[in-house]
Amino acid sequence: MPPLDYRPINALPYWDKIGEFVNAAVADTASISGREARSLYPAAVAFVMWCWQSRGTPLERPRIFRLVVVEEFVHLGMASYARGSKATHRATLTIMVEALNPAETVRSRRAIPRSAPTKPYTRAEVAALHSWAAAQGTPRRHHDAIVLLALGLGAGLATREILGARVADLETRDDDIHVIVWEGRPRVVPVRPDWQRPLRRILADLDPAALIFRPGRTGASPGQLTDFLLRSRTELDVRPSRMRTTWLLEHLNAGTPPKELLRISGLKNFAALDKIAAFAPKTGHTSALPETSKSH
């Protein structure tokens, strides 16, 4: 358990999701390393929150407590931190990796089993996300919340793709909006029909060169999304990784050909779609993938 006077203020809206994982990691590290639990919490909370919220990493020690993930967090998730704070967090998190995932520190080559895909949103949860976006306190925050949902639920973009999308990356073809993704997994993604009207409304007055989500930024780092969500003080599980899974499942249920879905999603193989298909309703007539896809 954390110290009685410890309060993870920035993570409170999500503490019921990550608290048990953080508490256990801190307690075990303190027991193994001899460090006081209180000294571990600031770095542990910020790191786990970033991994789970921005990176979409499951709450599994072998997946989170890795040296490469720590370095990614320091460089991307702590972009606005002072150099001294970065060094302190890196040192603390390295101790946690050594304690919780010792195989990582000796560069074990043993493969880590893949985890189950992120669970998609239910219809009720999507409705709750609509309400959350509509209830944002300022026009600017309302704009950003709608953009987040439109690019996540409407186009299945990952966090970095949402942060990097610009107005000029949207194009209209036969009255349908498409998003052009330039980096990482280059592709053209059609926006689902139910998210096109909201995008048209909020993009009308933006400069073509502007970033779509939180315009005015000069760069893109996952921490910018985390900061936006923390300021909303919501208890909802708002994550691009779940939005992307929901988008993929909707396409499968709608009968989008698997090869076409691979193309617009940027996925590499049918195995990834097979995992998403496990969430499809078992109605007897909904078949996410043809049996022959297993051999591709």
C-alpha atoms as a PDB file:
ATOM      1  CA  MET A   1       0.000   0.000   0.000  1.00  0.00           C
ATOM      2  CA  PRO A   2       1.215   3.571  -0.625  1.00  0.00           C
ATOM      3  CA  PRO A   3       2.107   5.858   2.297  1.00  0.00           C
ATOM      4  CA  LEU A   4      -1.008   7.189   4.024  1.00  0.00           C
ATOM      5  CA  ASP A   5      -0.260  10.757   2.927  1.00  0.00           C
ATOM      6  CA  TYR A   6       0.579   9.813  -0.675  1.00  0.00           C
ATOM      7  CA  ARG A   7      -1.867  11.133  -3.246  1.00  0.00           C
ATOM      8  CA  PRO A   8      -1.254  10.527  -6.983  1.00  0.00           C
ATOM      9  CA  ILE A   9      -3.136  13.708  -7.928  1.00  0.00           C
ATOM     10  CA  ASN A  10      -2.539  13.570 -11.682  1.00  0.00           C
ATOM     11  CA  ALA A  11      -3.451   9.885 -11.848  1.00  0.00           C
ATOM     12  CA  LEU A  12      -6.455   9.927  -9.521  1.00  0.00           C
ATOM     13  CA  PRO A  13      -9.036   9.626 -12.341  1.00  0.00           C
ATOM     14  CA  TYR A  14      -7.351   6.387 -13.429  1.00  0.00           C
ATOM     15  CA  TRP A  15      -6.145   5.064 -10.082  1.00  0.00           C
ATOM     16  CA  ASP A  16      -8.748   2.308 -10.054  1.00  0.00           C
ATOM     17  CA  LYS A  17      -7.206   1.087 -13.334  1.00  0.00           C
ATOM     18  CA  ILE A  18      -3.482   1.346 -12.553  1.00  0.00           C
ATOM     19  CA  GLY A  19      -3.303   1.719  -8.761  1.00  0.00           C
ATOM     20  CA  GLU A  20      -3.073  -1.953  -7.860  1.00  0.00           C
ATOM     21  CA  PHE A  21      -0.344  -2.524 -10.449  1.00  0.00           C
ATOM     22  CA  VAL A  22       1.677   0.505  -9.274  1.00  0.00           C
ATOM     23  CA  ASN A  23       1.286  -0.343  -5.590  1.00  0.00           C
ATOM     24  CA  ALA A  24       2.494  -3.904  -6.106  1.00  0.00           C
ATOM     25  CA  ALA A  25       5.443  -2.804  -8.249  1.00  0.00           C
ATOM     26  CA  VAL A  26       6.526  -0.208  -5.708  1.00  0.00           C
ATOM     27  CA  ALA A  27       6.132  -2.583  -2.762  1.00  0.00           C
ATOM     28  CA  ASP A  28       8.142  -5.342  -4.439  1.00  0.00           C
ATOM     29  CA  THR A  29      10.874  -2.937  -5.550  1.00  0.00           C
ATOM     30  CA  ALA A  30      11.147  -1.474  -2.065  1.00  0.00           C
ATOM     31  CA  SER A  31      11.437  -4.955  -0.560  1.00  0.00           C
ATOM     32  CA  ILE A  32      14.115  -6.079  -3.043  1.00  0.00           C
ATOM     33  CA  SER A  33      16.157  -2.886  -3.331  1.00  0.00           C
ATOM     34  CA  GLY A  34      15.820  -1.452   0.156  1.00  0.00           C
ATOM     35  CA  ARG A  35      14.593   1.874  -1.233  1.00  0.00           C
ATOM     36  CA  GLU A  36      11.754   3.655   0.562  1.00  0.00           C
ATOM     37  CA  ALA A  37       8.443   3.176  -1.216  1.00  0.00           C
ATOM     38  CA  ARG A  38       7.756   6.907  -0.952  1.00  0.00           C
ATOM     39  CA  SER A  39      10.793   7.697  -3.113  1.00  0.00           C
ATOM     40  CA  LEU A  40       9.637   5.328  -5.858  1.00  0.00           C
ATOM     41  CA  TYR A  41       6.087   6.534  -6.322  1.00  0.00           C
ATOM     42  CA  PRO A  42       6.592   9.783  -8.326  1.00  0.00           C
ATOM     43  CA  ALA A  43       8.544   8.041 -11.097  1.00  0.00           C
ATOM     44  CA  ALA A  44       6.493   4.836 -10.967  1.00  0.00           C
ATOM     45  CA  VAL A  45       3.122   6.582 -11.255  1.00  0.00           C
ATOM     46  CA  ALA A  46       4.201   8.863 -14.108  1.00  0.00           C
ATOM     47  CA  PHE A  47       5.853   6.001 -15.981  1.00  0.00           C
ATOM     48  CA  VAL A  48       3.061   3.450 -15.634  1.00  0.00           C
ATOM     49  CA  MET A  49       0.441   6.089 -16.455  1.00  0.00           C
ATOM     50  CA  TRP A  50       2.296   7.018 -19.647  1.00  0.00           C
ATOM     51  CA  CYS A  51       2.829   3.391 -20.692  1.00  0.00           C
ATOM     52  CA  TRP A  52      -0.820   2.481 -20.163  1.00  0.00           C
ATOM     53  CA  GLN A  53      -2.465   5.678 -21.380  1.00  0.00           C
ATOM     54  CA  SER A  54      -0.246   6.958 -24.215  1.00  0.00           C
ATOM     55  CA  ARG A  55       1.695   3.900 -25.309  1.00  0.00           C
ATOM     56  CA  GLY A  56      -1.172   1.431 -24.918  1.00  0.00           C
ATOM     57  CA  THR A  57       1.003  -1.108 -23.109  1.00  0.00           C
ATOM     58  CA  PRO A  58      -0.847  -3.751 -21.051  1.00  0.00           C
ATOM     59  CA  LEU A  59      -0.271  -3.662 -17.287  1.00  0.00           C
ATOM     60  CA  GLU A  60       2.233  -6.506 -17.328  1.00  0.00           C
ATOM     61  CA  ARG A  61       5.635  -6.234 -15.707  1.00  0.00           C
ATOM     62  CA  PRO A  62       7.629  -7.842 -18.551  1.00  0.00           C
ATOM     63  CA  ARG A  63       6.014  -5.439 -21.014  1.00  0.00           C
ATOM     64  CA  ILE A  64       6.343  -2.235 -18.976  1.00  0.00           C
ATOM     65  CA  PHE A  65       9.499  -2.607 -16.900  1.00  0.00           C
ATOM     66  CA  ARG A  66      11.999  -2.723 -19.747  1.00  0.00           C
ATOM     67  CA  LEU A  67      15.036  -0.499 -20.177  1.00  0.00           C
ATOM     68  CA  VAL A  68      14.050   0.442 -23.737  1.00  0.00           C
ATOM     69  CA  VAL A  69      10.599   1.525 -22.549  1.00  0.00           C
ATOM     70  CA  VAL A  70      12.147   3.584 -19.752  1.00  0.00           C
ATOM     71  CA  GLU A  71      14.323   5.402 -22.284  1.00  0.00           C
ATOM     72  CA  GLU A  72      11.332   6.001 -24.531  1.00  0.00           C
ATOM     73  CA  PHE A  73       9.435   7.476 -21.585  1.00  0.00           C
ATOM     74  CA  VAL A  74      12.314   9.760 -20.607  1.00  0.00           C
ATOM     75  CA  HIS A  75      12.717  11.109 -24.144  1.00  0.00           C
ATOM     76  CA  LEU A  76       9.066  11.256 -25.224  1.00  0.00           C
ATOM     77  CA  GLY A  77       6.948  11.271 -22.083  1.00  0.00           C
ATOM     78  CA  MET A  78       9.143  13.740 -20.186  1.00  0.00           C
ATOM     79  CA  ALA A  79       9.837  16.202 -22.997  1.00  0.00           C
ATOM     80  CA  SER A  80       8.843  19.197 -20.849  1.00  0.00           C
ATOM     81  CA  TYR A  81      10.725  18.073 -17.712  1.00  0.00           C
ATOM     82  CA  ALA A  82      14.009  19.576 -16.527  1.00  0.00           C
ATOM     83  CA  ARG A  83      17.169  17.565 -17.138  1.00  0.00           C
ATOM     84  CA  GLY A  84      17.576  16.849 -13.428  1.00  0.00           C
ATOM     85  CA  SER A  85      14.073  15.418 -13.159  1.00  0.00           C
ATOM     86  CA  LYS A  86      14.679  13.206 -16.166  1.00  0.00           C
ATOM     87  CA  ALA A  87      17.868  11.859 -14.621  1.00  0.00           C
ATOM     88  CA  THR A  88      16.142  11.192 -11.297  1.00  0.00           C
ATOM     89  CA  HIS A  89      13.228   9.358 -12.893  1.00  0.00           C
ATOM     90  CA  ARG A  90      15.560   7.345 -15.139  1.00  0.00           C
ATOM     91  CA  ALA A  91      17.639   6.244 -12.133  1.00  0.00           C
ATOM     92  CA  THR A  92      14.547   5.284 -10.130  1.00  0.00           C
ATOM     93  CA  LEU A  93      12.956   3.380 -12.996  1.00  0.00           C
ATOM     94  CA  THR A  94      16.200   1.539 -13.734  1.00  0.00           C
ATOM     95  CA  ILE A  95      16.170   0.289 -10.132  1.00  0.00           C
ATOM     96  CA  MET A  96      12.587  -0.877 -10.636  1.00  0.00           C
ATOM     97  CA  VAL A  97      13.493  -2.713 -13.846  1.00  0.00           C
ATOM     98  CA  GLU A  98      16.385  -4.432 -12.100  1.00  0.00           C
ATOM     99  CA  ALA A  99      14.114  -5.509  -9.260  1.00  0.00           C
ATOM    100  CA  LEU A 100      10.991  -6.469 -11.193  1.00  0.00           C
ATOM    101  CA  ASN A 101      12.391  -7.767 -14.480  1.00  0.00           C
ATOM    102  CA  PRO A 102      15.964  -8.961 -13.791  1.00  0.00           C
ATOM    103  CA  ALA A 103      16.097 -10.907 -17.063  1.00  0.00           C
ATOM    104  CA  GLU A 104      15.877  -7.565 -18.862  1.00  0.00           C
ATOM    105  CA  THR A 105      19.061  -6.255 -17.269  1.00  0.00           C
ATOM    106  CA  VAL A 106      21.072  -9.233 -18.463  1.00  0.00           C
ATOM    107  CA  ARG A 107      19.516  -8.929 -21.920  1.00  0.00           C
ATOM    108  CA  SER A 108      17.736 -12.254 -21.887  1.00  0.00           C
ATOM    109  CA  ARG A 109      16.721 -13.358 -25.361  1.00  0.00           C
ATOM    110  CA  ARG A 110      13.730 -15.347 -24.160  1.00  0.00           C
ATOM    111  CA  ALA A 111      10.634 -14.182 -26.042  1.00  0.00           C
ATOM    112  CA  ILE A 112       7.800 -12.637 -24.052  1.00  0.00           C
ATOM    113  CA  PRO A 113       4.436 -14.141 -25.005  1.00  0.00           C
ATOM    114  CA  ARG A 114       2.120 -11.758 -26.761  1.00  0.00           C
ATOM    115  CA  SER A 115      -0.705 -10.478 -24.640  1.00  0.00           C
ATOM    116  CA  ALA A 116      -4.353 -10.426 -25.609  1.00  0.00           C
ATOM    117  CA  PRO A 117      -5.405  -7.428 -27.721  1.00  0.00           C
ATOM    118  CA  THR A 118      -6.850  -4.386 -26.031  1.00  0.00           C
ATOM    119  CA  LYS A 119     -10.570  -4.787 -25.383  1.00  0.00           C
ATOM    120  CA  PRO A 120     -12.843  -2.711 -27.661  1.00  0.00           C
ATOM    121  CA  TYR A 121     -15.432  -0.272 -26.351  1.00  0.00           C
ATOM    122  CA  THR A 122     -19.056  -1.344 -26.045  1.00  0.00           C
ATOM    123  CA  ARG A 123     -21.795   0.760 -27.609  1.00  0.00           C
ATOM    124  CA  ALA A 124     -22.621   2.158 -24.172  1.00  0.00           C
ATOM    125  CA  GLU A 125     -18.990   3.125 -23.645  1.00  0.00           C
ATOM    126  CA  VAL A 126     -18.822   4.856 -27.033  1.00  0.00           C
ATOM    127  CA  ALA A 127     -21.966   6.790 -26.104  1.00  0.00           C
ATOM    128  CA  ALA A 128     -20.288   7.796 -22.843  1.00  0.00           C
ATOM    129  CA  LEU A 129     -17.271   9.049 -24.818  1.00  0.00           C
ATOM    130  CA  HIS A 130     -19.605  11.163 -26.975  1.00  0.00           C
ATOM    131  CA  SER A 131     -21.073  12.691 -23.820  1.00  0.00           C
ATOM    132  CA  TRP A 132     -17.592  13.289 -22.381  1.00  0.00           C
ATOM    133  CA  ALA A 133     -16.519  15.182 -25.515  1.00  0.00           C
ATOM    134  CA  ALA A 134     -19.708  17.259 -25.587  1.00  0.00           C
ATOM    135  CA  ALA A 135     -19.297  18.203 -21.922  1.00  0.00           C
ATOM    136  CA  GLN A 136     -15.798  19.699 -22.223  1.00  0.00           C
ATOM    137  CA  GLY A 137     -15.666  23.104 -20.550  1.00  0.00           C
ATOM    138  CA  THR A 138     -14.308  25.260 -23.396  1.00  0.00           C
ATOM    139  CA  PRO A 139     -14.727  25.329 -27.184  1.00  0.00           C
ATOM    140  CA  ARG A 140     -11.029  24.511 -27.555  1.00  0.00           C
ATOM    141  CA  ARG A 141     -11.270  21.410 -25.356  1.00  0.00           C
ATOM    142  CA  HIS A 142     -14.510  20.373 -27.064  1.00  0.00           C
ATOM    143  CA  HIS A 143     -12.717  20.629 -30.420  1.00  0.00           C
ATOM    144  CA  ASP A 144      -9.808  18.519 -29.226  1.00  0.00           C
ATOM    145  CA  ALA A 145     -12.032  15.858 -27.650  1.00  0.00           C
ATOM    146  CA  ILE A 146     -14.058  15.490 -30.858  1.00  0.00           C
ATOM    147  CA  VAL A 147     -10.880  15.271 -32.940  1.00  0.00           C
ATOM    148  CA  LEU A 148      -9.497  12.589 -30.640  1.00  0.00           C
ATOM    149  CA  LEU A 149     -12.632  10.479 -31.014  1.00  0.00           C
ATOM    150  CA  ALA A 150     -12.970  11.118 -34.753  1.00  0.00           C
ATOM    151  CA  LEU A 151      -9.394  10.075 -35.520  1.00  0.00           C
ATOM    152  CA  GLY A 152      -9.433   7.209 -33.025  1.00  0.00           C
ATOM    153  CA  LEU A 153     -12.912   5.726 -33.438  1.00  0.00           C
ATOM    154  CA  GLY A 154     -13.443   7.068 -36.956  1.00  0.00           C
ATOM    155  CA  ALA A 155     -10.061   6.271 -38.520  1.00  0.00           C
ATOM    156  CA  GLY A 156      -8.362   3.868 -36.112  1.00  0.00           C
ATOM    157  CA  LEU A 157      -5.216   5.992 -35.794  1.00  0.00           C
ATOM    158  CA  ALA A 158      -2.638   5.235 -33.119  1.00  0.00           C
ATOM    159  CA  THR A 159      -1.572   7.867 -30.562  1.00  0.00           C
ATOM    160  CA  ARG A 160       1.426   9.134 -32.538  1.00  0.00           C
ATOM    161  CA  GLU A 161      -0.623   9.299 -35.725  1.00  0.00           C
ATOM    162  CA  ILE A 162      -3.320  11.356 -34.007  1.00  0.00           C
ATOM    163  CA  LEU A 163      -0.733  13.744 -32.594  1.00  0.00           C
ATOM    164  CA  GLY A 164       0.968  14.161 -35.966  1.00  0.00           C
ATOM    165  CA  ALA A 165      -2.119  14.570 -38.188  1.00  0.00           C
ATOM    166  CA  ARG A 166      -2.528  17.962 -39.852  1.00  0.00           C
ATOM    167  CA  VAL A 167      -5.510  19.565 -41.563  1.00  0.00           C
ATOM    168  CA  ALA A 168      -3.739  19.185 -44.902  1.00  0.00           C
ATOM    169  CA  ASP A 169      -3.626  15.423 -44.327  1.00  0.00           C
ATOM    170  CA  LEU A 170      -7.402  15.244 -44.738  1.00  0.00           C
ATOM    171  CA  GLU A 171      -8.719  14.969 -48.255  1.00  0.00           C
ATOM    172  CA  THR A 172     -12.154  14.511 -49.735  1.00  0.00           C
ATOM    173  CA  ARG A 173     -12.840  11.792 -52.282  1.00  0.00           C
ATOM    174  CA  ASP A 174     -16.365  11.421 -53.604  1.00  0.00           C
ATOM    175  CA  ASP A 175     -17.583  13.448 -50.611  1.00  0.00           C
ATOM    176  CA  ASP A 176     -15.871  11.044 -48.187  1.00  0.00           C
ATOM    177  CA  ILE A 177     -13.051  12.186 -45.897  1.00  0.00           C
ATOM    178  CA  HIS A 178      -9.765  10.274 -45.892  1.00  0.00           C
ATOM    179  CA  VAL A 179      -6.767  10.696 -43.600  1.00  0.00           C
ATOM    180  CA  ILE A 180      -3.307  10.449 -45.143  1.00  0.00           C
ATOM    181  CA  VAL A 181      -0.778   8.935 -42.725  1.00  0.00           C
ATOM    182  CA  TRP A 182       2.758   9.781 -43.815  1.00  0.00           C
ATOM    183  CA  GLU A 183       5.050   8.254 -41.188  1.00  0.00           C
ATOM    184  CA  GLY A 184       5.456   4.868 -39.533  1.00  0.00           C
ATOM    185  CA  ARG A 185       2.753   3.007 -41.464  1.00  0.00           C
ATOM    186  CA  PRO A 186       2.064   5.193 -44.536  1.00  0.00           C
ATOM    187  CA  ARG A 187      -1.459   4.715 -45.864  1.00  0.00           C
ATOM    188  CA  VAL A 188      -4.744   6.423 -46.733  1.00  0.00           C
ATOM    189  CA  VAL A 189      -7.551   5.753 -44.260  1.00  0.00           C
ATOM    190  CA  PRO A 190     -11.245   6.410 -44.985  1.00  0.00           C
ATOM    191  CA  VAL A 191     -13.009   7.998 -42.027  1.00  0.00           C
ATOM    192  CA  ARG A 192     -16.107   6.101 -40.948  1.00  0.00           C
ATOM    193  CA  PRO A 193     -19.297   7.884 -42.115  1.00  0.00           C
ATOM    194  CA  ASP A 194     -20.603   8.639 -38.603  1.00  0.00           C
ATOM    195  CA  TRP A 195     -17.451  10.659 -37.820  1.00  0.00           C
ATOM    196  CA  GLN A 196     -17.187  12.693 -41.016  1.00  0.00           C
ATOM    197  CA  ARG A 197     -19.699  15.402 -40.145  1.00  0.00           C
ATOM    198  CA  PRO A 198     -18.067  16.241 -36.772  1.00  0.00           C
ATOM    199  CA  LEU A 199     -14.698  16.542 -38.533  1.00  0.00           C
ATOM    200  CA  ARG A 200     -16.088  18.836 -41.225  1.00  0.00           C
ATOM    201  CA  ARG A 201     -17.602  21.167 -38.616  1.00  0.00           C
ATOM    202  CA  ILE A 202     -14.467  21.654 -36.543  1.00  0.00           C
ATOM    203  CA  LEU A 203     -11.952  21.842 -39.394  1.00  0.00           C
ATOM    204  CA  ALA A 204     -13.634  24.601 -41.366  1.00  0.00           C
ATOM    205  CA  ASP A 205     -11.746  27.439 -39.652  1.00  0.00           C
ATOM    206  CA  LEU A 206      -8.329  25.816 -39.218  1.00  0.00           C
ATOM    207  CA  ASP A 207      -5.209  26.583 -41.243  1.00  0.00           C
ATOM    208  CA  PRO A 208      -4.267  23.679 -43.564  1.00  0.00           C
ATOM    209  CA  ALA A 209      -0.826  23.492 -41.950  1.00  0.00           C
ATOM    210  CA  ALA A 210      -2.250  23.267 -38.433  1.00  0.00           C
ATOM    211  CA  LEU A 211      -2.182  20.116 -36.361  1.00  0.00           C
ATOM    212  CA  ILE A 212      -5.724  18.776 -35.988  1.00  0.00           C
ATOM    213  CA  PHE A 213      -5.506  17.745 -32.322  1.00  0.00           C
ATOM    214  CA  ARG A 214      -4.502  20.585 -30.005  1.00  0.00           C
ATOM    215  CA  PRO A 215      -3.493  22.983 -32.827  1.00  0.00           C
ATOM    216  CA  GLY A 216      -0.712  25.380 -31.927  1.00  0.00           C
ATOM    217  CA  ARG A 217       1.712  22.688 -30.823  1.00  0.00           C
ATOM    218  CA  THR A 218       5.189  22.827 -32.342  1.00  0.00           C
ATOM    219  CA  GLY A 219       5.889  19.109 -31.945  1.00  0.00           C
ATOM    220  CA  ALA A 220       4.285  15.803 -31.056  1.00  0.00           C
ATOM    221  CA  SER A 221       4.924  13.669 -27.977  1.00  0.00           C
ATOM    222  CA  PRO A 222       2.623  11.152 -26.240  1.00  0.00           C
ATOM    223  CA  GLY A 223       2.730  13.285 -23.100  1.00  0.00           C
ATOM    224  CA  GLN A 224       0.586  15.902 -24.860  1.00  0.00           C
ATOM    225  CA  LEU A 225      -2.299  13.459 -25.062  1.00  0.00           C
ATOM    226  CA  THR A 226      -1.834  12.329 -21.476  1.00  0.00           C
ATOM    227  CA  ASP A 227      -1.845  15.958 -20.308  1.00  0.00           C
ATOM    228  CA  PHE A 228      -5.082  16.668 -22.170  1.00  0.00           C
ATOM    229  CA  LEU A 229      -6.821  13.641 -20.655  1.00  0.00           C
ATOM    230  CA  LEU A 230      -5.571  14.324 -17.141  1.00  0.00           C
ATOM    231  CA  ARG A 231      -6.957  17.861 -17.295  1.00  0.00           C
ATOM    232  CA  SER A 232     -10.371  16.500 -18.219  1.00  0.00           C
ATOM    233  CA  ARG A 233     -10.573  14.748 -14.830  1.00  0.00           C
ATOM    234  CA  THR A 234     -12.703  11.966 -16.267  1.00  0.00           C
ATOM    235  CA  GLU A 235     -13.081   8.482 -14.862  1.00  0.00           C
ATOM    236  CA  LEU A 236     -13.706   7.086 -18.334  1.00  0.00           C
ATOM    237  CA  ASP A 237     -11.052   4.909 -19.913  1.00  0.00           C
ATOM    238  CA  VAL A 238     -10.148   7.184 -22.843  1.00  0.00           C
ATOM    239  CA  ARG A 239      -7.427   5.442 -24.859  1.00  0.00           C
ATOM    240  CA  PRO A 240      -6.527   5.514 -28.565  1.00  0.00           C
ATOM    241  CA  SER A 241      -5.518   1.849 -28.352  1.00  0.00           C
ATOM    242  CA  ARG A 242      -9.084   0.887 -27.388  1.00  0.00           C
ATOM    243  CA  MET A 243     -10.475   3.211 -30.053  1.00  0.00           C
ATOM    244  CA  ARG A 244      -8.309   1.513 -32.681  1.00  0.00           C
ATOM    245  CA  THR A 245      -9.446  -1.950 -31.588  1.00  0.00           C
ATOM    246  CA  THR A 246     -13.072  -0.779 -31.711  1.00  0.00           C
ATOM    247  CA  TRP A 247     -12.533   0.626 -35.211  1.00  0.00           C
ATOM    248  CA  LEU A 248     -10.977  -2.624 -36.420  1.00  0.00           C
ATOM    249  CA  LEU A 249     -13.814  -4.691 -34.960  1.00  0.00           C
ATOM    250  CA  GLU A 250     -16.457  -2.462 -36.563  1.00  0.00           C
ATOM    251  CA  HIS A 251     -14.827  -2.974 -39.952  1.00  0.00           C
ATOM    252  CA  LEU A 252     -14.705  -6.735 -39.456  1.00  0.00           C
ATOM    253  CA  ASN A 253     -18.344  -6.847 -38.396  1.00  0.00           C
ATOM    254  CA  ALA A 254     -19.293  -4.686 -41.380  1.00  0.00           C
ATOM    255  CA  GLY A 255     -17.648  -7.142 -43.765  1.00  0.00           C
ATOM    256  CA  THR A 256     -14.644  -5.082 -44.865  1.00  0.00           C
ATOM    257  CA  PRO A 257     -12.403  -7.506 -46.817  1.00  0.00           C
ATOM    258  CA  PRO A 258      -9.446  -8.547 -44.638  1.00  0.00           C
ATOM    259  CA  LYS A 259      -6.857  -7.521 -47.243  1.00  0.00           C
ATOM    260  CA  GLU A 260      -8.427  -4.082 -47.496  1.00  0.00           C
ATOM    261  CA  LEU A 261      -8.500  -3.768 -43.709  1.00  0.00           C
ATOM    262  CA  LEU A 262      -4.812  -4.670 -43.503  1.00  0.00           C
ATOM    263  CA  ARG A 263      -4.089  -1.938 -46.032  1.00  0.00           C
ATOM    264  CA  ILE A 264      -6.003   0.872 -44.319  1.00  0.00           C
ATOM    265  CA  SER A 265      -4.973  -0.141 -40.795  1.00  0.00           C
ATOM    266  CA  GLY A 266      -1.266  -0.565 -41.455  1.00  0.00           C
ATOM    267  CA  LEU A 267      -1.277  -4.036 -39.890  1.00  0.00           C
ATOM    268  CA  LYS A 268       1.147  -6.548 -41.361  1.00  0.00           C
ATOM    269  CA  ASN A 269      -0.629  -9.892 -41.173  1.00  0.00           C
ATOM    270  CA  PHE A 270      -3.941 -11.659 -40.717  1.00  0.00           C
ATOM    271  CA  ALA A 271      -2.951 -12.963 -37.287  1.00  0.00           C
ATOM    272  CA  ALA A 272      -3.486  -9.477 -35.859  1.00  0.00           C
ATOM    273  CA  LEU A 273      -7.017  -9.422 -37.267  1.00  0.00           C
ATOM    274  CA  ASP A 274      -7.706 -12.903 -35.924  1.00  0.00           C
ATOM    275  CA  LYS A 275      -7.101 -11.592 -32.409  1.00  0.00           C
ATOM    276  CA  ILE A 276      -9.533  -8.720 -32.940  1.00  0.00           C
ATOM    277  CA  ALA A 277     -12.090 -11.110 -34.439  1.00  0.00           C
ATOM    278  CA  ALA A 278     -12.231 -12.936 -31.111  1.00  0.00           C
ATOM    279  CA  PHE A 279     -14.315 -10.003 -29.850  1.00  0.00           C
ATOM    280  CA  ALA A 280     -16.913 -10.385 -32.621  1.00  0.00           C
ATOM    281  CA  PRO A 281     -20.382 -11.494 -31.480  1.00  0.00           C
ATOM    282  CA  LYS A 282     -20.923 -15.224 -31.884  1.00  0.00           C
ATOM    283  CA  THR A 283     -24.083 -15.048 -33.995  1.00  0.00           C
ATOM    284  CA  GLY A 284     -23.291 -17.811 -36.428  1.00  0.00           C
ATOM    285  CA  HIS A 285     -23.307 -15.485 -39.428  1.00  0.00           C
ATOM    286  CA  THR A 286     -20.578 -13.014 -38.436  1.00  0.00           C
ATOM    287  CA  SER A 287     -17.285 -14.290 -39.776  1.00  0.00           C
ATOM    288  CA  ALA A 288     -14.412 -11.873 -39.330  1.00  0.00           C
ATOM    289  CA  LEU A 289     -11.898 -13.705 -41.498  1.00  0.00           C
ATOM    290  CA  PRO A 290     -12.036 -16.474 -44.063  1.00  0.00           C
ATOM    291  CA  GLU A 291     -10.503 -19.739 -42.954  1.00  0.00           C
ATOM    292  CA  THR A 292      -7.904 -19.467 -45.704  1.00  0.00           C
ATOM    293  CA  SER A 293      -6.492 -16.306 -44.113  1.00  0.00           C
ATOM    294  CA  LYS A 294      -4.752 -18.421 -41.494  1.00  0.00           C
ATOM    295  CA  SER A 295      -2.309 -19.650 -44.119  1.00  0.00           C
ATOM    296  CA  HIS A 296      -1.312 -16.224 -45.448  1.00  0.00           C
END
